[in-house]
């Protein structure tokens, strides 16, 4: 079953970004993930709150693949840089419909 990482990221510093993109791309692919969206082009259709600068959606083949990516020793320093240099919210969503 597919899982989806849904992130809202607002950089507080851009220093980490150039060193993050290449390794993150490679590690997402290594764990079977694929970016569906990485964009600042988004709009709120409902609700209130602060808007994130970036919205990111990654499709994973399984929950295990997503959690293996997050705990990969090669990703940990990049995760630390991202979380220290941004306001980030990351949700892992199972690709199923509980209301069907």
N, C-alpha and C. Protein backbone atom coordinates (compact mmCIF):
# COMPACT_ATOMS: atom_id res chain seq x y z
N UNK A 1 0.84 -1.17 0.00
CA UNK A 1 0.00 0.00 0.00
C UNK A 1 0.88 1.24 0.00
N UNK A 2 0.53 2.22 -0.81
CA UNK A 2 1.29 3.47 -0.89
C UNK A 2 1.08 4.32 0.36
N UNK A 3 2.10 5.06 0.69
CA UNK A 3 2.05 6.07 1.75
C UNK A 3 2.54 7.38 1.14
N UNK A 4 2.10 8.47 1.75
CA UNK A 4 2.46 9.79 1.24
C UNK A 4 3.01 10.66 2.36
N UNK A 5 4.18 11.22 2.12
CA UNK A 5 4.71 12.26 2.98
C UNK A 5 4.15 13.57 2.47
N UNK A 6 3.52 14.32 3.36
CA UNK A 6 2.99 15.63 3.02
C UNK A 6 3.67 16.62 3.95
N UNK A 7 4.43 17.53 3.36
CA UNK A 7 5.21 18.48 4.14
C UNK A 7 4.80 19.91 3.84
N UNK A 8 4.85 20.73 4.87
CA UNK A 8 4.72 22.18 4.76
C UNK A 8 6.02 22.74 5.31
N UNK A 9 6.78 23.44 4.49
CA UNK A 9 8.10 23.91 4.88
C UNK A 9 8.23 25.40 4.57
N UNK A 10 8.59 26.16 5.59
CA UNK A 10 8.89 27.58 5.42
C UNK A 10 10.31 27.81 5.91
N UNK A 11 11.26 28.03 4.99
CA UNK A 11 12.63 28.26 5.42
C UNK A 11 12.75 29.51 6.29
N UNK A 12 13.53 29.39 7.36
CA UNK A 12 13.88 30.55 8.18
C UNK A 12 15.28 31.01 7.83
N UNK A 13 16.00 30.16 7.12
CA UNK A 13 17.32 30.44 6.57
C UNK A 13 17.42 29.63 5.29
N UNK A 14 18.09 30.16 4.29
CA UNK A 14 18.24 29.40 3.05
C UNK A 14 19.61 28.78 2.91
N UNK A 15 20.42 28.89 3.95
CA UNK A 15 21.79 28.37 3.91
C UNK A 15 21.85 26.86 3.68
N UNK A 16 20.91 26.12 4.19
CA UNK A 16 20.91 24.67 4.13
C UNK A 16 20.42 24.12 2.79
N UNK A 17 19.68 24.92 2.03
CA UNK A 17 18.97 24.41 0.86
C UNK A 17 19.89 23.87 -0.24
N UNK A 18 20.94 24.58 -0.67
CA UNK A 18 21.78 24.04 -1.75
C UNK A 18 22.40 22.68 -1.42
N UNK A 19 22.81 22.48 -0.18
CA UNK A 19 23.43 21.21 0.21
C UNK A 19 22.39 20.12 0.48
N UNK A 20 21.13 20.48 0.55
CA UNK A 20 20.06 19.54 0.88
C UNK A 20 19.47 18.86 -0.35
N UNK A 21 19.23 19.63 -1.40
CA UNK A 21 18.45 19.15 -2.54
C UNK A 21 19.02 17.88 -3.18
N UNK A 22 20.26 17.89 -3.58
CA UNK A 22 20.85 16.72 -4.26
C UNK A 22 20.83 15.46 -3.42
N UNK A 23 21.36 15.50 -2.19
CA UNK A 23 21.31 14.30 -1.35
C UNK A 23 19.89 13.84 -1.04
N UNK A 24 18.98 14.77 -0.78
CA UNK A 24 17.59 14.37 -0.49
C UNK A 24 16.97 13.68 -1.70
N UNK A 25 17.20 14.22 -2.90
CA UNK A 25 16.67 13.58 -4.11
C UNK A 25 17.17 12.14 -4.22
N UNK A 26 18.47 11.95 -4.04
CA UNK A 26 19.07 10.61 -4.16
C UNK A 26 18.54 9.67 -3.09
N UNK A 27 18.37 10.16 -1.88
CA UNK A 27 17.92 9.29 -0.79
C UNK A 27 16.43 8.95 -0.91
N UNK A 28 15.63 9.88 -1.38
CA UNK A 28 14.22 9.57 -1.65
C UNK A 28 14.15 8.44 -2.67
N UNK A 29 14.90 8.56 -3.76
CA UNK A 29 14.91 7.52 -4.80
C UNK A 29 15.44 6.20 -4.26
N UNK A 30 16.50 6.25 -3.45
CA UNK A 30 17.08 5.04 -2.86
C UNK A 30 16.04 4.24 -2.09
N UNK A 31 15.12 4.93 -1.43
CA UNK A 31 14.11 4.26 -0.61
C UNK A 31 12.79 4.06 -1.35
N UNK A 32 12.82 4.22 -2.67
CA UNK A 32 11.64 3.92 -3.49
C UNK A 32 10.62 5.03 -3.55
N UNK A 33 10.97 6.21 -3.06
CA UNK A 33 10.04 7.33 -3.08
C UNK A 33 10.10 8.09 -4.38
N UNK A 34 9.04 8.86 -4.62
CA UNK A 34 9.02 9.72 -5.80
C UNK A 34 8.26 10.99 -5.45
N UNK A 35 8.87 12.10 -5.84
CA UNK A 35 8.22 13.39 -5.60
C UNK A 35 7.02 13.54 -6.51
N UNK A 36 5.89 13.87 -5.93
CA UNK A 36 4.69 14.19 -6.70
C UNK A 36 4.59 15.70 -6.87
N UNK A 37 4.95 16.44 -5.83
CA UNK A 37 4.93 17.90 -5.90
C UNK A 37 5.98 18.46 -4.95
N UNK A 38 6.68 19.50 -5.42
CA UNK A 38 7.58 20.33 -4.61
C UNK A 38 7.42 21.72 -5.16
N UNK A 39 6.60 22.52 -4.50
CA UNK A 39 6.25 23.78 -5.13
C UNK A 39 5.88 24.87 -4.13
N UNK A 40 6.09 26.08 -4.55
CA UNK A 40 5.59 27.23 -3.80
C UNK A 40 4.26 27.70 -4.41
N UNK A 41 3.82 27.04 -5.48
CA UNK A 41 2.55 27.38 -6.14
C UNK A 41 1.43 26.57 -5.50
N UNK A 42 0.82 27.15 -4.50
CA UNK A 42 -0.31 26.51 -3.83
C UNK A 42 -1.20 27.59 -3.25
N UNK A 43 -2.45 27.25 -3.03
CA UNK A 43 -3.37 28.21 -2.44
C UNK A 43 -4.28 27.51 -1.45
N UNK A 44 -4.65 28.25 -0.43
CA UNK A 44 -5.56 27.73 0.59
C UNK A 44 -6.99 27.85 0.06
N UNK A 45 -7.71 26.76 0.08
CA UNK A 45 -9.11 26.76 -0.35
C UNK A 45 -10.06 26.74 0.83
N UNK A 46 -9.53 26.36 2.01
CA UNK A 46 -10.40 26.23 3.18
C UNK A 46 -9.56 26.41 4.44
N UNK A 47 -10.17 26.94 5.48
CA UNK A 47 -9.51 27.05 6.78
C UNK A 47 -8.63 28.29 6.89
N UNK A 48 -8.04 28.41 8.07
CA UNK A 48 -7.20 29.56 8.37
C UNK A 48 -5.88 29.10 8.94
N UNK A 49 -4.93 30.00 8.97
CA UNK A 49 -3.62 29.70 9.53
C UNK A 49 -2.55 30.26 8.61
N UNK A 50 -1.32 30.12 9.05
CA UNK A 50 -0.22 30.60 8.25
C UNK A 50 0.05 29.64 7.10
N UNK A 51 0.35 30.23 5.95
CA UNK A 51 0.67 29.42 4.78
C UNK A 51 2.16 29.11 4.75
N UNK A 52 2.50 27.89 4.42
CA UNK A 52 3.89 27.49 4.27
C UNK A 52 4.42 28.01 2.94
N UNK A 53 5.72 28.24 2.88
CA UNK A 53 6.35 28.68 1.63
C UNK A 53 6.34 27.57 0.59
N UNK A 54 6.56 26.34 1.04
CA UNK A 54 6.65 25.19 0.14
C UNK A 54 5.70 24.08 0.59
N UNK A 55 5.13 23.41 -0.36
CA UNK A 55 4.36 22.18 -0.11
C UNK A 55 5.05 21.07 -0.88
N UNK A 56 5.26 19.96 -0.19
CA UNK A 56 5.98 18.83 -0.78
C UNK A 56 5.15 17.57 -0.54
N UNK A 57 5.00 16.78 -1.58
CA UNK A 57 4.32 15.48 -1.48
C UNK A 57 5.24 14.44 -2.07
N UNK A 58 5.51 13.40 -1.29
CA UNK A 58 6.34 12.29 -1.74
C UNK A 58 5.52 11.01 -1.62
N UNK A 59 5.49 10.22 -2.68
CA UNK A 59 4.82 8.92 -2.65
C UNK A 59 5.85 7.85 -2.32
N UNK A 60 5.50 6.99 -1.35
CA UNK A 60 6.35 5.88 -0.92
C UNK A 60 5.66 4.56 -1.21
N UNK A 61 6.41 3.51 -1.51
CA UNK A 61 5.77 2.21 -1.76
C UNK A 61 5.22 1.56 -0.49
N UNK A 62 5.68 2.01 0.67
CA UNK A 62 5.24 1.42 1.94
C UNK A 62 5.59 2.36 3.09
N UNK A 63 5.00 2.09 4.24
CA UNK A 63 5.35 2.84 5.46
C UNK A 63 6.81 2.61 5.81
N UNK A 64 7.25 1.37 5.65
CA UNK A 64 8.63 1.02 5.97
C UNK A 64 9.63 1.82 5.13
N UNK A 65 9.31 2.02 3.86
CA UNK A 65 10.19 2.79 2.99
C UNK A 65 10.30 4.24 3.47
N UNK A 66 9.17 4.82 3.87
CA UNK A 66 9.17 6.21 4.36
C UNK A 66 9.97 6.33 5.64
N UNK A 67 9.76 5.42 6.56
CA UNK A 67 10.47 5.51 7.84
C UNK A 67 11.95 5.15 7.68
N UNK A 68 12.27 4.28 6.72
CA UNK A 68 13.68 3.97 6.45
C UNK A 68 14.40 5.20 5.91
N UNK A 69 13.72 5.96 5.05
CA UNK A 69 14.29 7.21 4.55
C UNK A 69 14.57 8.17 5.70
N UNK A 70 13.57 8.37 6.56
CA UNK A 70 13.72 9.33 7.65
C UNK A 70 14.82 8.94 8.63
N UNK A 71 15.08 7.66 8.77
CA UNK A 71 16.09 7.21 9.73
C UNK A 71 17.41 6.82 9.07
N UNK A 72 17.53 7.02 7.75
CA UNK A 72 18.76 6.69 7.04
C UNK A 72 19.90 7.55 7.59
N UNK A 73 20.98 6.92 8.03
CA UNK A 73 22.11 7.70 8.57
C UNK A 73 22.64 8.77 7.62
N UNK A 74 22.51 8.54 6.30
CA UNK A 74 22.95 9.54 5.33
C UNK A 74 22.00 10.74 5.26
N UNK A 75 20.74 10.52 5.69
CA UNK A 75 19.76 11.62 5.65
C UNK A 75 19.76 12.44 6.95
N UNK A 76 20.12 11.84 8.06
CA UNK A 76 20.02 12.50 9.37
C UNK A 76 20.64 13.90 9.39
N UNK A 77 21.87 14.11 8.87
CA UNK A 77 22.40 15.48 8.92
C UNK A 77 21.60 16.47 8.07
N UNK A 78 21.00 15.99 6.98
CA UNK A 78 20.19 16.85 6.13
C UNK A 78 18.85 17.16 6.79
N UNK A 79 18.28 16.17 7.46
CA UNK A 79 17.06 16.38 8.22
C UNK A 79 17.30 17.43 9.31
N UNK A 80 18.41 17.29 10.00
CA UNK A 80 18.76 18.25 11.06
C UNK A 80 18.90 19.65 10.48
N UNK A 81 19.57 19.78 9.35
CA UNK A 81 19.74 21.09 8.71
C UNK A 81 18.39 21.67 8.31
N UNK A 82 17.51 20.82 7.75
CA UNK A 82 16.19 21.32 7.32
C UNK A 82 15.37 21.76 8.51
N UNK A 83 15.33 20.96 9.55
CA UNK A 83 14.49 21.31 10.69
C UNK A 83 15.04 22.50 11.48
N UNK A 84 16.36 22.67 11.48
CA UNK A 84 16.94 23.83 12.15
C UNK A 84 16.81 25.10 11.30
N UNK A 85 16.71 24.94 9.99
CA UNK A 85 16.66 26.09 9.09
C UNK A 85 15.29 26.37 8.51
N UNK A 86 14.26 25.77 9.14
CA UNK A 86 12.91 26.00 8.62
C UNK A 86 11.88 25.69 9.69
N UNK A 87 10.68 26.13 9.41
CA UNK A 87 9.51 25.69 10.17
C UNK A 87 8.91 24.59 9.30
N UNK A 88 9.02 23.34 9.75
CA UNK A 88 8.61 22.19 8.94
C UNK A 88 7.57 21.35 9.66
N UNK A 89 6.59 20.91 8.90
CA UNK A 89 5.57 19.98 9.40
C UNK A 89 5.50 18.84 8.40
N UNK A 90 5.63 17.61 8.89
CA UNK A 90 5.70 16.42 8.03
C UNK A 90 4.67 15.42 8.52
N UNK A 91 3.76 15.05 7.64
CA UNK A 91 2.73 14.05 7.95
C UNK A 91 2.93 12.86 7.03
N UNK A 92 2.78 11.66 7.59
CA UNK A 92 2.82 10.44 6.78
C UNK A 92 1.38 9.92 6.70
N UNK A 93 0.88 9.80 5.48
CA UNK A 93 -0.53 9.46 5.26
C UNK A 93 -0.62 8.15 4.49
N UNK A 94 -1.38 7.23 5.05
CA UNK A 94 -1.61 5.96 4.38
C UNK A 94 -2.57 6.18 3.21
N UNK A 95 -2.25 5.63 2.05
CA UNK A 95 -3.07 5.81 0.85
C UNK A 95 -4.27 4.90 0.85
N UNK A 96 -5.23 5.21 1.71
CA UNK A 96 -6.45 4.42 1.78
C UNK A 96 -7.62 5.34 2.09
N UNK A 97 -8.81 4.84 1.91
CA UNK A 97 -10.01 5.62 2.17
C UNK A 97 -10.79 4.95 3.29
N UNK A 98 -10.67 5.48 4.50
CA UNK A 98 -11.38 4.92 5.66
C UNK A 98 -12.88 5.24 5.63
N UNK A 99 -13.30 6.12 4.74
CA UNK A 99 -14.70 6.52 4.72
C UNK A 99 -15.48 5.89 3.56
N UNK A 100 -14.81 5.03 2.80
CA UNK A 100 -15.48 4.39 1.65
C UNK A 100 -16.46 3.34 2.13
